[in-house]
Amino acid sequence: MTVSYDSAIGSHVGMVRSNNQDSGFAGGQLFLVADGMGGHAGGDVASAITTKAMAALDTEPAGIPAAAASRLRHALLETNAKLRATVRDRPELAGMGTTFSGFLTIGDKLALAHIGDSRLYLLRDNNLSQVTKDHTFVQRLVDSGKITEEEAKTHPRRSVLMRVLGDVDSSPQIDTEVLDTRPGDVWLLCSDGLCGYVEDVDIEKILRRRTSLQNAVDGLIDKSLAHGAPDNVTCVVVETVAAPDFDPNTTTELRPSEQRFAGSAASSPEPRDGSVSTARTRIMGRRAVRRAPVVEESHFEPRVDEYLAELISETRRRNRNRRLLWALGGLCVLLAIGGTLVVGYQWTQSRYFVGTNGDTVIIYQGVQQDLGSISLHSEAEDTGIPLDQLDGLAKRQVERTLSASSIDEAREIVLRLGPTSE
């Protein structure tokens, strides 16, 4: 099948971070997102170096899909070595690293490479699906059944990465895959500044309702801003479109204007890099938006097995403590309810009323109402006065009951009703 690709790109520093550690690239055949880690001094450097190094593949012949995936992996390993060499020259950048999610297009195939927690989504037939799997601690917990997908979204260790490029691992494991595509497919590459705070259902709606690819990118970034944008957010949207026949093994050199960088890799600020915003973003600047707390910087944990064992134990302790707190809370609620019932019952037993059992006038202790099958009154005294010896008004009053605040007051009411028993 003969296809071509349209794309749009955007990046925003967000509402909390002081600098943009994300980078993005959209070229003629290469598209990628890289999310840097290592704090203010290193994350932006790591993602920019990676993005600019990988961008060199955009003007090289793609070859066959399997070979292109292998080339992506080899290029990322070379970039990893370059990042480590950069740290040797600049020790203040120690610990820097970056995620990477990107693909090369070869005809109607995509050669994908992925490491970290940036993501690739596919919108096909108006249904969104996540293509990549996060290389994070919480994803391992989900895969092992320790926690649910919902619990992973708020887990305190969700920023811990198990695989990244950079000064953390000399030979990182990189996922590669060859994917099929067809006209109408929309591919979304994004940093976790989007997918970590915007629900997939909202991402799907924005992609489905797009009026253009750039409109989709702007809408996604604005949605993150509406959620407080506690992290940098970068998006690359690529659509597969039908095209005239062409040789997929032949490429022409791209003009510089066709290669677009975003975030820290941009040589000059893009409109979406914070200097200019959409109408929606400008409106949000004049009104209160949902401010999210500052999130913990992503970091890499090299001792995978030890770290997993430690954090799984921590998760178990936290879940056990949470269950204990729920149990204590439930017990407190039950005690409060029980105390209220006891106090309420004691109050009812301080009240009296004059009524009848159908034959004689009775003084009851309690209140007339019942609580389900539980009676809130009992017989205190049988006056012995036949009900039919009372005049009409007194009889009706007794049948409707006459309230009293004490036993003595109830007896006085009985005396006023009429004859007493012999």
Protein backbone atom coordinates (compact mmCIF):
# COMPACT_ATOMS: atom_id res chain seq x y z
CA MET A 1 0.00 0.00 0.00
CA THR A 2 1.26 3.46 -0.90
CA VAL A 3 0.96 5.95 1.93
CA SER A 4 2.47 9.18 3.17
CA TYR A 5 2.50 10.93 6.53
CA ASP A 6 1.31 14.29 7.84
CA SER A 7 2.41 15.50 11.27
CA ALA A 8 2.21 18.21 13.90
CA ILE A 9 4.32 18.85 16.99
CA GLY A 10 4.18 20.94 20.16
CA SER A 11 5.74 21.24 23.60
CA HIS A 12 5.01 23.26 26.74
CA VAL A 13 7.01 23.75 29.94
CA GLY A 14 3.81 23.33 31.99
CA MET A 15 2.52 25.26 34.99
CA VAL A 16 5.03 24.07 37.62
CA ARG A 17 8.44 23.18 36.14
CA SER A 18 11.00 25.95 35.72
CA ASN A 19 12.52 24.49 32.54
CA ASN A 20 11.46 22.18 29.73
CA GLN A 21 13.24 18.83 29.92
CA ASP A 22 11.18 17.37 27.06
CA SER A 23 12.27 17.27 23.43
CA GLY A 24 10.37 16.32 20.31
CA PHE A 25 11.10 15.90 16.61
CA ALA A 26 8.92 15.59 13.51
CA GLY A 27 10.70 15.03 10.20
CA GLY A 28 9.97 13.38 6.90
CA GLN A 29 10.26 9.80 8.12
CA LEU A 30 11.36 10.03 11.77
CA PHE A 31 9.14 11.12 14.65
CA LEU A 32 10.07 11.01 18.33
CA VAL A 33 9.57 12.27 21.88
CA ALA A 34 12.25 12.25 24.61
CA ASP A 35 11.60 13.15 28.24
CA GLY A 36 14.73 14.10 30.18
CA MET A 37 15.46 13.30 33.82
CA GLY A 38 18.18 14.36 36.23
CA GLY A 39 16.96 17.71 37.49
CA HIS A 40 17.34 21.21 36.15
CA ALA A 41 20.96 20.72 35.14
CA GLY A 42 20.70 17.47 33.21
CA GLY A 43 17.28 16.44 31.93
CA ASP A 44 17.02 19.04 29.20
CA VAL A 45 20.58 18.31 28.06
CA ALA A 46 19.96 14.57 27.85
CA SER A 47 16.74 14.84 25.83
CA ALA A 48 18.19 17.50 23.49
CA ILE A 49 21.39 15.50 22.78
CA THR A 50 19.34 12.37 22.12
CA THR A 51 16.83 14.11 19.86
CA LYS A 52 19.45 15.89 17.75
CA ALA A 53 21.58 12.75 17.44
CA MET A 54 18.62 10.62 16.37
CA ALA A 55 17.37 13.29 13.92
CA ALA A 56 20.31 12.39 11.66
CA LEU A 57 18.40 9.22 10.72
CA ASP A 58 15.66 11.30 9.14
CA THR A 59 17.63 11.95 5.94
CA GLU A 60 19.14 8.47 5.58
CA PRO A 61 17.56 5.71 3.45
CA ALA A 62 15.17 3.80 5.69
CA GLY A 63 15.75 0.38 4.13
CA ILE A 64 13.51 -2.55 5.02
CA PRO A 65 11.41 -2.31 8.22
CA ALA A 66 13.33 -4.91 10.25
CA ALA A 67 16.64 -3.28 9.33
CA ALA A 68 15.22 0.14 10.24
CA ALA A 69 14.24 -1.10 13.70
CA SER A 70 17.75 -2.48 14.15
CA ARG A 71 19.22 0.85 13.01
CA LEU A 72 17.10 2.70 15.55
CA ARG A 73 18.32 0.44 18.34
CA HIS A 74 21.97 0.76 17.25
CA ALA A 75 21.64 4.56 17.00
CA LEU A 76 20.14 4.73 20.49
CA LEU A 77 22.97 2.68 21.96
CA GLU A 78 25.48 5.04 20.29
CA THR A 79 23.53 7.98 21.70
CA ASN A 80 23.64 6.36 25.12
CA ALA A 81 27.43 6.21 24.89
CA LYS A 82 27.45 9.88 23.85
CA LEU A 83 25.41 10.82 26.93
CA ARG A 84 27.85 8.97 29.18
CA ALA A 85 30.78 10.71 27.50
CA THR A 86 29.07 14.06 28.06
CA VAL A 87 28.87 13.35 31.79
CA ARG A 88 32.58 12.47 31.87
CA ASP A 89 33.30 15.92 30.40
CA ARG A 90 30.73 17.66 32.58
CA PRO A 91 30.52 15.91 35.98
CA GLU A 92 27.78 18.28 37.15
CA LEU A 93 25.42 16.41 34.80
CA ALA A 94 25.96 13.08 36.56
CA GLY A 95 22.79 11.00 36.71
CA MET A 96 21.12 12.58 33.70
CA GLY A 97 19.04 10.42 31.40
CA THR A 98 16.09 10.44 29.05
CA THR A 99 13.24 8.32 27.79
CA PHE A 100 12.74 7.75 24.06
CA SER A 101 9.74 6.76 21.98
CA GLY A 102 10.00 7.15 18.24
CA PHE A 103 9.53 5.49 14.88
CA LEU A 104 10.78 5.52 11.30
CA THR A 105 8.23 5.21 8.51
CA ILE A 106 8.94 2.76 5.67
CA GLY A 107 6.05 2.61 3.26
CA ASP A 108 3.09 1.27 5.21
CA LYS A 109 5.28 0.04 8.09
CA LEU A 110 6.60 1.75 11.20
CA ALA A 111 9.89 0.74 12.82
CA LEU A 112 9.43 1.55 16.52
CA ALA A 113 12.00 1.94 19.31
CA HIS A 114 11.00 2.58 22.91
CA ILE A 115 12.58 2.93 26.34
CA GLY A 116 11.16 4.63 29.45
CA ASP A 117 7.64 5.94 30.06
CA SER A 118 6.96 8.18 27.08
CA ARG A 119 4.23 6.54 25.03
CA LEU A 120 2.98 5.72 21.56
CA TYR A 121 -0.80 5.57 21.04
CA LEU A 122 -2.76 4.55 17.95
CA LEU A 123 -6.18 5.92 17.03
CA ARG A 124 -7.68 3.50 14.50
CA ASP A 125 -11.35 3.46 13.54
CA ASN A 126 -11.93 6.06 16.27
CA ASN A 127 -10.65 3.68 18.98
CA LEU A 128 -7.54 4.59 20.98
CA SER A 129 -5.03 1.95 22.07
CA GLN A 130 -1.68 2.18 23.86
CA VAL A 131 1.07 0.58 21.77
CA THR A 132 4.09 0.84 24.08
CA LYS A 133 4.44 -0.43 27.63
CA ASP A 134 5.96 1.81 30.33
CA HIS A 135 9.32 0.73 31.75
CA THR A 136 8.42 1.83 35.27
CA PHE A 137 8.29 0.29 38.71
CA VAL A 138 4.53 0.67 38.99
CA GLN A 139 4.01 -1.05 35.61
CA ARG A 140 5.94 -4.03 36.97
CA LEU A 141 3.66 -4.02 40.01
CA VAL A 142 0.64 -3.98 37.68
CA ASP A 143 2.07 -6.78 35.52
CA SER A 144 2.72 -8.91 38.61
CA GLY A 145 -0.79 -8.31 39.93
CA LYS A 146 0.40 -6.43 43.04
CA ILE A 147 -1.63 -3.31 42.23
CA THR A 148 -4.33 -2.27 39.77
CA GLU A 149 -4.09 0.19 36.88
CA GLU A 150 -6.09 2.69 38.95
CA GLU A 151 -3.75 2.33 41.95
CA ALA A 152 -0.75 2.84 39.64
CA LYS A 153 -1.99 6.32 38.70
CA THR A 154 -1.52 7.60 42.26
CA HIS A 155 1.25 5.29 43.49
CA PRO A 156 3.99 7.27 45.32
CA ARG A 157 6.70 5.48 43.27
CA ARG A 158 5.18 6.11 39.85
CA SER A 159 8.15 8.34 38.90
CA VAL A 160 10.66 5.49 39.25
CA LEU A 161 11.95 4.35 35.83
CA MET A 162 13.47 0.92 35.35
CA ARG A 163 14.95 1.60 31.88
CA VAL A 164 16.28 4.85 30.36
CA LEU A 165 19.11 6.17 28.18
CA GLY A 166 21.90 8.11 29.84
CA ASP A 167 24.50 8.09 32.56
CA VAL A 168 22.78 5.26 34.38
CA ASP A 169 23.22 2.11 32.30
CA SER A 170 26.01 1.26 29.85
CA SER A 171 23.85 -1.17 27.86
CA PRO A 172 20.15 -0.36 28.27
CA GLN A 173 17.49 -2.73 26.96
CA ILE A 174 15.51 -1.10 24.14
CA ASP A 175 12.19 -2.41 22.84
CA THR A 176 11.86 -2.51 19.04
CA GLU A 177 8.93 -3.55 16.90
CA VAL A 178 7.64 -3.30 13.34
CA LEU A 179 4.05 -2.06 13.09
CA ASP A 180 1.54 -2.05 10.24
CA THR A 181 -0.32 1.13 9.37
CA ARG A 182 -3.02 2.15 6.93
CA PRO A 183 -4.66 5.37 5.75
CA GLY A 184 -6.67 7.00 8.51
CA ASP A 185 -4.42 5.84 11.35
CA VAL A 186 -3.42 8.58 13.78
CA TRP A 187 -0.29 7.99 15.86
CA LEU A 188 0.41 9.96 19.03
CA LEU A 189 3.85 10.16 20.65
CA CYS A 190 3.79 11.92 24.02
CA SER A 191 5.73 12.46 27.23
CA ASP A 192 4.17 11.48 30.56
CA GLY A 193 3.27 15.14 31.10
CA LEU A 194 0.24 14.27 28.97
CA CYS A 195 -0.57 10.61 29.62
CA GLY A 196 0.26 10.91 33.33
CA TYR A 197 -2.46 13.50 33.95
CA VAL A 198 -4.96 13.32 31.08
CA GLU A 199 -7.16 10.22 30.91
CA ASP A 200 -7.02 8.08 27.77
CA VAL A 201 -10.72 8.70 27.15
CA ASP A 202 -10.03 12.46 26.94
CA ILE A 203 -7.03 11.92 24.65
CA GLU A 204 -9.25 9.85 22.37
CA LYS A 205 -11.96 12.54 22.26
CA ILE A 206 -9.47 15.25 21.32
CA LEU A 207 -7.94 13.16 18.54
CA ARG A 208 -11.35 12.15 17.20
CA ARG A 209 -12.70 15.72 17.20
CA ARG A 210 -9.61 17.33 15.67
CA THR A 211 -10.05 19.83 12.83
CA SER A 212 -6.36 19.49 11.96
CA LEU A 213 -3.31 17.72 13.36
CA GLN A 214 -2.02 20.94 14.91
CA ASN A 215 -5.44 21.49 16.44
CA ALA A 216 -5.12 18.05 18.04
CA VAL A 217 -1.66 18.85 19.44
CA ASP A 218 -2.88 22.17 20.83
CA GLY A 219 -5.95 20.53 22.34
CA LEU A 220 -3.89 17.84 24.06
CA ILE A 221 -1.48 20.36 25.54
CA ASP A 222 -4.32 22.62 26.64
CA LYS A 223 -6.01 19.67 28.33
CA SER A 224 -2.83 19.04 30.32
CA LEU A 225 -2.73 22.73 31.25
CA ALA A 226 -6.34 22.51 32.41
CA HIS A 227 -5.22 19.75 34.80
CA GLY A 228 -2.53 22.02 36.25
CA ALA A 229 0.29 20.70 34.00
CA PRO A 230 2.65 19.73 36.86
CA ASP A 231 5.15 18.36 34.31
CA ASN A 232 6.45 19.34 30.87
CA VAL A 233 4.20 18.07 28.09
CA THR A 234 5.24 17.22 24.52
CA CYS A 235 3.15 15.72 21.72
CA VAL A 236 3.81 14.57 18.17
CA VAL A 237 0.74 13.58 16.13
CA VAL A 238 1.26 11.69 12.86
CA GLU A 239 -1.48 10.68 10.43
CA THR A 240 -1.15 8.00 7.77
CA VAL A 241 -2.68 9.19 4.49
CA ALA A 242 -3.06 7.65 1.04
CA ALA A 243 -0.45 8.88 -1.44
CA PRO A 244 0.66 8.39 -5.04
CA ASP A 245 2.92 5.45 -5.72
CA PHE A 246 6.50 5.89 -4.60
CA ASP A 247 9.54 3.76 -3.89
CA PRO A 248 9.73 3.30 -0.08
CA ASN A 249 13.44 2.50 -0.33
CA THR A 250 14.21 5.85 -1.92
CA THR A 251 14.13 9.11 -0.02
CA THR A 252 15.04 12.63 -1.00
CA GLU A 253 16.91 15.00 1.23
CA LEU A 254 14.52 17.06 3.30
CA ARG A 255 14.57 20.82 3.46
CA PRO A 256 15.46 22.14 6.95
CA SER A 257 12.00 23.65 7.30
CA GLU A 258 10.45 20.17 7.08
CA GLN A 259 12.30 19.08 10.20
CA ARG A 260 10.72 20.49 13.34
CA PHE A 261 12.22 20.35 16.82
CA ALA A 262 10.29 21.14 20.01
CA GLY A 263 11.13 21.58 23.68
CA SER A 264 14.76 21.73 24.78
CA ALA A 265 15.97 20.44 21.41
CA ALA A 266 14.46 23.39 19.54
CA SER A 267 17.09 25.79 18.21
CA SER A 268 14.57 28.64 18.56
CA PRO A 269 11.35 28.77 20.59
CA GLU A 270 8.35 27.18 18.97
CA PRO A 271 4.99 28.98 19.37
CA ARG A 272 3.85 26.22 21.73
CA ASP A 273 7.03 26.35 23.84
CA GLY A 274 5.54 28.97 26.12
CA SER A 275 6.08 32.15 24.08
CA VAL A 276 2.71 32.04 22.33
CA SER A 277 -0.35 30.09 23.38
CA THR A 278 -3.69 29.14 21.95
CA ALA A 279 -6.84 31.11 22.68
CA ARG A 280 -7.86 28.50 25.24
CA THR A 281 -4.51 28.78 27.03
CA ARG A 282 -4.71 32.58 27.11
CA ILE A 283 -8.17 32.35 28.64
CA MET A 284 -6.86 29.95 31.28
CA GLY A 285 -4.14 32.45 32.09
CA ARG A 286 -6.83 34.89 33.20
CA ARG A 287 -8.81 32.44 35.32
CA ALA A 288 -8.06 29.90 37.98
CA VAL A 289 -6.95 26.50 36.73
CA ARG A 290 -6.63 23.30 38.65
CA ARG A 291 -3.17 23.52 40.23
CA ALA A 292 -1.51 20.16 40.70
CA PRO A 293 1.22 19.68 43.32
CA VAL A 294 4.85 19.60 42.27
CA VAL A 295 5.60 16.04 41.24
CA GLU A 296 8.72 14.13 42.12
CA GLU A 297 11.42 14.15 39.42
CA SER A 298 11.64 10.91 37.51
CA HIS A 299 14.68 8.87 38.40
CA PHE A 300 16.31 5.60 37.41
CA GLU A 301 16.84 2.68 39.74
CA PRO A 302 19.68 0.38 38.59
CA ARG A 303 19.32 -2.35 41.25
CA VAL A 304 16.14 -3.70 39.72
CA ASP A 305 15.67 -6.90 41.73
CA GLU A 306 16.67 -5.36 45.07
CA TYR A 307 14.57 -2.29 44.44
CA LEU A 308 11.55 -4.29 43.38
CA ALA A 309 11.79 -6.51 46.46
CA GLU A 310 12.14 -3.47 48.72
CA LEU A 311 9.28 -1.54 47.16
CA ILE A 312 7.00 -4.56 46.91
CA SER A 313 7.51 -4.98 50.67
CA GLU A 314 6.82 -1.29 51.11
CA THR A 315 3.66 -1.60 49.03
CA ARG A 316 2.50 -4.54 51.13
CA ARG A 317 3.14 -2.58 54.32
CA ARG A 318 1.28 0.41 52.92
CA ASN A 319 -1.67 -1.74 51.84
CA ARG A 320 -1.70 -3.47 55.25
CA ASN A 321 -1.62 -0.11 57.03
CA ARG A 322 -4.32 1.18 54.74
CA ARG A 323 -6.54 -1.81 55.55
CA LEU A 324 -5.84 -1.29 59.26
CA LEU A 325 -6.80 2.38 58.98
CA TRP A 326 -9.98 1.44 57.15
CA ALA A 327 -10.79 -1.11 59.85
CA LEU A 328 -10.13 1.40 62.63
CA GLY A 329 -12.18 3.98 60.80
CA GLY A 330 -15.03 1.52 60.37
CA LEU A 331 -14.84 0.59 64.04
CA CYS A 332 -14.96 4.25 65.05
CA VAL A 333 -18.01 4.76 62.86
CA LEU A 334 -19.72 1.73 64.36
CA LEU A 335 -18.89 2.90 67.90
CA ALA A 336 -20.22 6.36 67.09
CA ILE A 337 -23.41 4.89 65.68
CA GLY A 338 -23.73 2.56 68.66
CA GLY A 339 -23.14 5.40 71.12
CA THR A 340 -25.73 7.52 69.38
CA LEU A 341 -28.25 4.69 69.53
CA VAL A 342 -27.59 4.10 73.23
CA VAL A 343 -27.92 7.79 74.09
CA GLY A 344 -31.02 8.06 71.93
CA TYR A 345 -32.62 5.02 73.56
CA GLN A 346 -31.85 6.32 77.03
CA TRP A 347 -33.57 9.58 76.13
CA THR A 348 -36.68 7.77 74.90
CA GLN A 349 -36.89 5.91 78.22
CA SER A 350 -37.02 9.22 80.09
CA ARG A 351 -40.34 9.99 78.38
CA TYR A 352 -43.87 8.73 79.18
CA PHE A 353 -47.29 8.78 77.55
CA VAL A 354 -50.83 7.82 78.43
CA GLY A 355 -52.48 5.40 76.04
CA THR A 356 -54.54 2.23 75.96
CA ASN A 357 -54.20 -1.47 75.31
CA GLY A 358 -57.75 -1.44 73.90
CA ASP A 359 -59.40 -2.23 77.24
CA THR A 360 -57.92 0.00 79.95
CA VAL A 361 -55.92 3.24 80.29
CA ILE A 362 -52.18 2.47 80.44
CA ILE A 363 -49.18 4.64 81.36
CA TYR A 364 -46.27 3.73 79.05
CA GLN A 365 -42.57 4.48 79.47
CA GLY A 366 -40.81 5.55 76.24
CA VAL A 367 -42.12 7.09 73.03
CA GLN A 368 -44.96 6.03 70.78
CA GLN A 369 -42.76 5.29 67.72
CA ASP A 370 -41.13 1.94 66.98
CA LEU A 371 -37.73 1.36 65.34
CA GLY A 372 -38.59 -1.31 62.81
CA SER A 373 -39.48 -4.39 64.85
CA ILE A 374 -38.00 -2.84 68.02
CA SER A 375 -40.53 -1.25 70.37
CA LEU A 376 -39.36 1.98 72.02
CA HIS A 377 -41.95 1.82 74.83
CA SER A 378 -43.11 -0.56 77.54
CA GLU A 379 -45.96 -0.64 80.05
CA ALA A 380 -45.15 1.32 83.23
CA GLU A 381 -48.57 1.19 85.00
CA ASP A 382 -52.00 -0.22 84.28
CA THR A 383 -54.41 2.32 85.77
CA GLY A 384 -57.33 -0.15 85.70
CA ILE A 385 -59.64 2.53 84.24
CA PRO A 386 -61.86 0.91 81.60
CA LEU A 387 -61.61 2.79 78.33
CA ASP A 388 -65.38 2.69 77.78
CA GLN A 389 -65.99 4.55 81.08
CA LEU A 390 -64.35 7.71 79.68
CA ASP A 391 -66.39 10.37 77.94
CA GLY A 392 -66.03 10.75 74.19
CA LEU A 393 -63.34 13.48 74.22
CA ALA A 394 -61.20 11.79 76.90
CA LYS A 395 -61.48 8.45 75.10
CA ARG A 396 -60.30 9.95 71.80
CA GLN A 397 -57.37 11.68 73.57
CA VAL A 398 -56.23 8.45 75.18
CA GLU A 399 -56.49 6.57 71.89
CA ARG A 400 -54.30 9.24 70.26
CA THR A 401 -51.99 9.11 73.36
CA LEU A 402 -51.08 11.97 75.70
CA SER A 403 -47.35 12.72 76.18
CA ALA A 404 -45.75 13.37 79.57
CA SER A 405 -42.23 14.22 80.66
CA SER A 406 -42.36 12.10 83.85
CA ILE A 407 -44.34 9.36 85.57
CA ASP A 408 -45.89 11.90 87.96
CA GLU A 409 -47.07 14.08 85.09
CA ALA A 410 -48.60 11.01 83.44
CA ARG A 411 -50.50 10.15 86.64
CA GLU A 412 -51.88 13.71 86.83
CA ILE A 413 -53.16 13.33 83.25
CA VAL A 414 -54.91 10.11 84.24
CA LEU A 415 -56.58 11.81 87.23
CA ARG A 416 -57.99 14.52 84.93
CA LEU A 417 -59.46 11.97 82.55
CA GLY A 418 -62.27 10.72 84.74
CA PRO A 419 -63.11 7.97 87.25
CA THR A 420 -60.37 5.93 88.80
CA SER A 421 -60.46 2.26 89.36
CA GLU A 422 -61.97 0.87 92.53
